[in-house]
Amino acid sequence: VNQWVNQWVNQWVNQWVNMSTGDVLAVVAATIVTMLVVVLAIVLVMLARTLRELRASLATLEHEALALLSDARVSVNEAATEIDRVERLVTSAERLDEAKRAIATPVVKALAFGTGLSRAAQRLRDGESPRPVPRPAPRGRRSAS
């Protein structure tokens, strides 16, 4: 066996020693190309793994985004309903204010007239003379003080 190994090694060394420069360059080029193919294969495997992870992340993101959009749609619809309700309340309040103003002015005038009339009647019963009504100062003139 030892002799057979020695013979094989000698044959292999002789074969390498008897190679031409072109043969050596071809072996070197083939080795380099083989290494490049192995590196490219590793890069492609890593890229495929990254793409799978990216797809999974995008699917999760899409699911969460659709859920958020659904929640936002519900919130917007609820807000629109509340805005309509508030608008109806404001409109009702404006109508009530207009009605109050329409009623309040004549009522206030009637109450004031009634109060003045009752005071005048009270004075007449008590025997007081009516007070002179003060005259307002003419407009546009200032008093000389």
C-alpha atoms as a PDB file:
ATOM      1  CA  VAL A   1       0.000   0.000   0.000  1.00  0.00           C
ATOM      2  CA  ASN A   2       2.793   2.360   0.846  1.00  0.00           C
ATOM      3  CA  GLN A   3       4.413   1.769  -2.486  1.00  0.00           C
ATOM      4  CA  TRP A   4       1.117   2.367  -4.282  1.00  0.00           C
ATOM      5  CA  VAL A   5       0.656   5.728  -2.438  1.00  0.00           C
ATOM      6  CA  ASN A   6       4.209   6.761  -3.307  1.00  0.00           C
ATOM      7  CA  GLN A   7       3.626   5.873  -6.920  1.00  0.00           C
ATOM      8  CA  TRP A   8       0.367   7.828  -7.024  1.00  0.00           C
ATOM      9  CA  VAL A   9       1.973  10.889  -5.398  1.00  0.00           C
ATOM     10  CA  ASN A  10       4.890  10.743  -7.830  1.00  0.00           C
ATOM     11  CA  GLN A  11       2.536  10.473 -10.750  1.00  0.00           C
ATOM     12  CA  TRP A  12       0.483  13.399  -9.496  1.00  0.00           C
ATOM     13  CA  VAL A  13       3.561  15.557  -8.898  1.00  0.00           C
ATOM     14  CA  ASN A  14       4.953  14.651 -12.313  1.00  0.00           C
ATOM     15  CA  GLN A  15       1.669  15.556 -13.882  1.00  0.00           C
ATOM     16  CA  TRP A  16       1.749  18.977 -12.204  1.00  0.00           C
ATOM     17  CA  VAL A  17       5.372  19.502 -13.053  1.00  0.00           C
ATOM     18  CA  ASN A  18       4.731  18.603 -16.678  1.00  0.00           C
ATOM     19  CA  MET A  19       1.841  21.129 -16.972  1.00  0.00           C
ATOM     20  CA  SER A  20       2.243  24.065 -19.283  1.00  0.00           C
ATOM     21  CA  THR A  21       1.645  27.684 -18.253  1.00  0.00           C
ATOM     22  CA  GLY A  22      -1.706  27.668 -20.058  1.00  0.00           C
ATOM     23  CA  ASP A  23      -2.755  24.564 -18.115  1.00  0.00           C
ATOM     24  CA  VAL A  24      -1.819  26.237 -14.803  1.00  0.00           C
ATOM     25  CA  LEU A  25      -3.703  29.405 -15.763  1.00  0.00           C
ATOM     26  CA  ALA A  26      -6.754  27.330 -16.726  1.00  0.00           C
ATOM     27  CA  VAL A  27      -6.702  25.566 -13.343  1.00  0.00           C
ATOM     28  CA  VAL A  28      -6.331  28.896 -11.494  1.00  0.00           C
ATOM     29  CA  ALA A  29      -9.137  30.474 -13.540  1.00  0.00           C
ATOM     30  CA  ALA A  30     -11.433  27.497 -12.902  1.00  0.00           C
ATOM     31  CA  THR A  31     -10.699  27.716  -9.169  1.00  0.00           C
ATOM     32  CA  ILE A  32     -11.459  31.443  -9.114  1.00  0.00           C
ATOM     33  CA  VAL A  33     -14.691  30.963 -11.061  1.00  0.00           C
ATOM     34  CA  THR A  34     -15.722  28.155  -8.703  1.00  0.00           C
ATOM     35  CA  MET A  35     -15.101  30.408  -5.676  1.00  0.00           C
ATOM     36  CA  LEU A  36     -17.110  33.229  -7.294  1.00  0.00           C
ATOM     37  CA  VAL A  37     -20.003  30.863  -7.961  1.00  0.00           C
ATOM     38  CA  VAL A  38     -19.934  29.687  -4.316  1.00  0.00           C
ATOM     39  CA  VAL A  39     -19.883  33.312  -3.051  1.00  0.00           C
ATOM     40  CA  LEU A  40     -22.747  34.249  -5.385  1.00  0.00           C
ATOM     41  CA  ALA A  41     -24.741  31.225  -4.226  1.00  0.00           C
ATOM     42  CA  ILE A  42     -24.251  32.260  -0.577  1.00  0.00           C
ATOM     43  CA  VAL A  43     -25.298  35.832  -1.405  1.00  0.00           C
ATOM     44  CA  LEU A  44     -28.400  34.569  -3.235  1.00  0.00           C
ATOM     45  CA  VAL A  45     -29.384  32.345  -0.310  1.00  0.00           C
ATOM     46  CA  MET A  46     -29.006  35.267   2.094  1.00  0.00           C
ATOM     47  CA  LEU A  47     -30.981  37.529  -0.259  1.00  0.00           C
ATOM     48  CA  ALA A  48     -33.786  34.962  -0.530  1.00  0.00           C
ATOM     49  CA  ARG A  49     -33.944  34.707   3.286  1.00  0.00           C
ATOM     50  CA  THR A  50     -34.074  38.509   3.580  1.00  0.00           C
ATOM     51  CA  LEU A  51     -36.832  38.717   0.961  1.00  0.00           C
ATOM     52  CA  ARG A  52     -38.889  36.100   2.836  1.00  0.00           C
ATOM     53  CA  GLU A  53     -38.532  38.090   6.058  1.00  0.00           C
ATOM     54  CA  LEU A  54     -39.441  41.274   4.194  1.00  0.00           C
ATOM     55  CA  ARG A  55     -42.577  39.639   2.767  1.00  0.00           C
ATOM     56  CA  ALA A  56     -43.603  38.484   6.237  1.00  0.00           C
ATOM     57  CA  SER A  57     -43.027  41.987   7.647  1.00  0.00           C
ATOM     58  CA  LEU A  58     -45.027  43.555   4.827  1.00  0.00           C
ATOM     59  CA  ALA A  59     -47.908  41.143   5.406  1.00  0.00           C
ATOM     60  CA  THR A  60     -47.937  42.046   9.106  1.00  0.00           C
ATOM     61  CA  LEU A  61     -47.725  45.746   8.296  1.00  0.00           C
ATOM     62  CA  GLU A  62     -50.571  45.465   5.783  1.00  0.00           C
ATOM     63  CA  HIS A  63     -52.752  43.644   8.312  1.00  0.00           C
ATOM     64  CA  GLU A  64     -52.078  46.264  11.014  1.00  0.00           C
ATOM     65  CA  ALA A  65     -52.568  49.173   8.594  1.00  0.00           C
ATOM     66  CA  LEU A  66     -55.925  47.802   7.438  1.00  0.00           C
ATOM     67  CA  ALA A  67     -57.014  47.401  11.058  1.00  0.00           C
ATOM     68  CA  LEU A  68     -55.961  50.991  11.804  1.00  0.00           C
ATOM     69  CA  LEU A  69     -57.792  52.282   8.743  1.00  0.00           C
ATOM     70  CA  SER A  70     -60.906  50.420   9.801  1.00  0.00           C
ATOM     71  CA  ASP A  71     -60.685  51.948  13.281  1.00  0.00           C
ATOM     72  CA  ALA A  72     -60.110  55.387  11.780  1.00  0.00           C
ATOM     73  CA  ARG A  73     -63.135  54.971   9.513  1.00  0.00           C
ATOM     74  CA  VAL A  74     -65.301  54.070  12.529  1.00  0.00           C
ATOM     75  CA  SER A  75     -63.947  57.061  14.484  1.00  0.00           C
ATOM     76  CA  VAL A  76     -64.603  59.435  11.593  1.00  0.00           C
ATOM     77  CA  ASN A  77     -68.167  58.160  11.249  1.00  0.00           C
ATOM     78  CA  GLU A  78     -68.746  58.583  14.997  1.00  0.00           C
ATOM     79  CA  ALA A  79     -67.283  62.095  14.869  1.00  0.00           C
ATOM     80  CA  ALA A  80     -69.536  62.997  11.925  1.00  0.00           C
ATOM     81  CA  THR A  81     -72.551  61.746  13.886  1.00  0.00           C
ATOM     82  CA  GLU A  82     -71.535  63.829  16.910  1.00  0.00           C
ATOM     83  CA  ILE A  83     -70.970  66.889  14.715  1.00  0.00           C
ATOM     84  CA  ASP A  84     -74.463  66.502  13.258  1.00  0.00           C
ATOM     85  CA  ARG A  85     -75.885  66.184  16.778  1.00  0.00           C
ATOM     86  CA  VAL A  86     -74.035  69.295  17.977  1.00  0.00           C
ATOM     87  CA  GLU A  87     -75.166  71.175  14.871  1.00  0.00           C
ATOM     88  CA  ARG A  88     -78.792  70.296  15.657  1.00  0.00           C
ATOM     89  CA  LEU A  89     -78.298  71.434  19.260  1.00  0.00           C
ATOM     90  CA  VAL A  90     -76.783  74.746  18.152  1.00  0.00           C
ATOM     91  CA  THR A  91     -79.599  75.300  15.666  1.00  0.00           C
ATOM     92  CA  SER A  92     -82.164  74.598  18.396  1.00  0.00           C
ATOM     93  CA  ALA A  93     -80.373  76.975  20.765  1.00  0.00           C
ATOM     94  CA  GLU A  94     -80.350  79.701  18.111  1.00  0.00           C
ATOM     95  CA  ARG A  95     -84.073  79.244  17.518  1.00  0.00           C
ATOM     96  CA  LEU A  96     -84.758  79.370  21.258  1.00  0.00           C
ATOM     97  CA  ASP A  97     -82.664  82.538  21.557  1.00  0.00           C
ATOM     98  CA  GLU A  98     -84.578  84.154  18.693  1.00  0.00           C
ATOM     99  CA  ALA A  99     -87.900  83.157  20.284  1.00  0.00           C
ATOM    100  CA  LYS A 100     -86.754  84.458  23.672  1.00  0.00           C
ATOM    101  CA  ARG A 101     -85.759  87.791  22.151  1.00  0.00           C
ATOM    102  CA  ALA A 102     -89.046  88.028  20.303  1.00  0.00           C
ATOM    103  CA  ILE A 103     -90.975  87.359  23.514  1.00  0.00           C
ATOM    104  CA  ALA A 104     -88.678  89.126  25.991  1.00  0.00           C
ATOM    105  CA  THR A 105     -88.777  92.619  24.473  1.00  0.00           C
ATOM    106  CA  PRO A 106     -92.543  93.099  24.674  1.00  0.00           C
ATOM    107  CA  VAL A 107     -92.731  91.358  28.052  1.00  0.00           C
ATOM    108  CA  VAL A 108     -89.995  93.570  29.500  1.00  0.00           C
ATOM    109  CA  LYS A 109     -91.740  96.643  28.157  1.00  0.00           C
ATOM    110  CA  ALA A 110     -95.064  95.530  29.610  1.00  0.00           C
ATOM    111  CA  LEU A 111     -93.457  94.780  32.996  1.00  0.00           C
ATOM    112  CA  ALA A 112     -91.707  98.149  33.008  1.00  0.00           C
ATOM    113  CA  PHE A 113     -94.950  99.886  32.099  1.00  0.00           C
ATOM    114  CA  GLY A 114     -96.798  97.974  34.838  1.00  0.00           C
ATOM    115  CA  THR A 115     -94.121  98.803  37.408  1.00  0.00           C
ATOM    116  CA  GLY A 116     -94.186 102.479  36.492  1.00  0.00           C
ATOM    117  CA  LEU A 117     -97.984 102.519  36.574  1.00  0.00           C
ATOM    118  CA  SER A 118     -98.091 100.873  39.996  1.00  0.00           C
ATOM    119  CA  ARG A 119     -95.548 103.355  41.401  1.00  0.00           C
ATOM    120  CA  ALA A 120     -97.525 106.288  40.003  1.00  0.00           C
ATOM    121  CA  ALA A 121    -100.742 104.900  41.499  1.00  0.00           C
ATOM    122  CA  GLN A 122     -98.995 104.406  44.849  1.00  0.00           C
ATOM    123  CA  ARG A 123     -97.789 108.003  44.843  1.00  0.00           C
ATOM    124  CA  LEU A 124    -101.213 109.274  43.974  1.00  0.00           C
ATOM    125  CA  ARG A 125    -102.691 107.292  46.858  1.00  0.00           C
ATOM    126  CA  ASP A 126    -100.025 108.591  49.228  1.00  0.00           C
ATOM    127  CA  GLY A 127    -100.715 112.124  48.069  1.00  0.00           C
ATOM    128  CA  GLU A 128     -97.278 112.798  46.642  1.00  0.00           C
ATOM    129  CA  SER A 129     -96.910 114.977  43.656  1.00  0.00           C
ATOM    130  CA  PRO A 130     -95.476 113.302  40.628  1.00  0.00           C
ATOM    131  CA  ARG A 131     -91.737 113.802  40.072  1.00  0.00           C
ATOM    132  CA  PRO A 132     -90.722 115.967  37.209  1.00  0.00           C
ATOM    133  CA  VAL A 133     -89.276 113.932  34.391  1.00  0.00           C
ATOM    134  CA  PRO A 134     -85.661 114.954  33.779  1.00  0.00           C
ATOM    135  CA  ARG A 135     -85.011 116.046  30.248  1.00  0.00           C
ATOM    136  CA  PRO A 136     -82.113 114.441  28.475  1.00  0.00           C
ATOM    137  CA  ALA A 137     -79.267 116.739  27.385  1.00  0.00           C
ATOM    138  CA  PRO A 138     -79.342 117.649  23.706  1.00  0.00           C
ATOM    139  CA  ARG A 139     -77.126 115.440  21.640  1.00  0.00           C
ATOM    140  CA  GLY A 140     -74.030 116.817  20.044  1.00  0.00           C
ATOM    141  CA  ARG A 141     -73.482 119.507  22.713  1.00  0.00           C
ATOM    142  CA  ARG A 142     -71.330 119.157  25.740  1.00  0.00           C
ATOM    143  CA  SER A 143     -72.077 120.839  28.961  1.00  0.00           C
ATOM    144  CA  ALA A 144     -69.754 123.701  29.866  1.00  0.00           C
ATOM    145  CA  SER A 145     -67.989 122.442  32.922  1.00  0.00           C
END
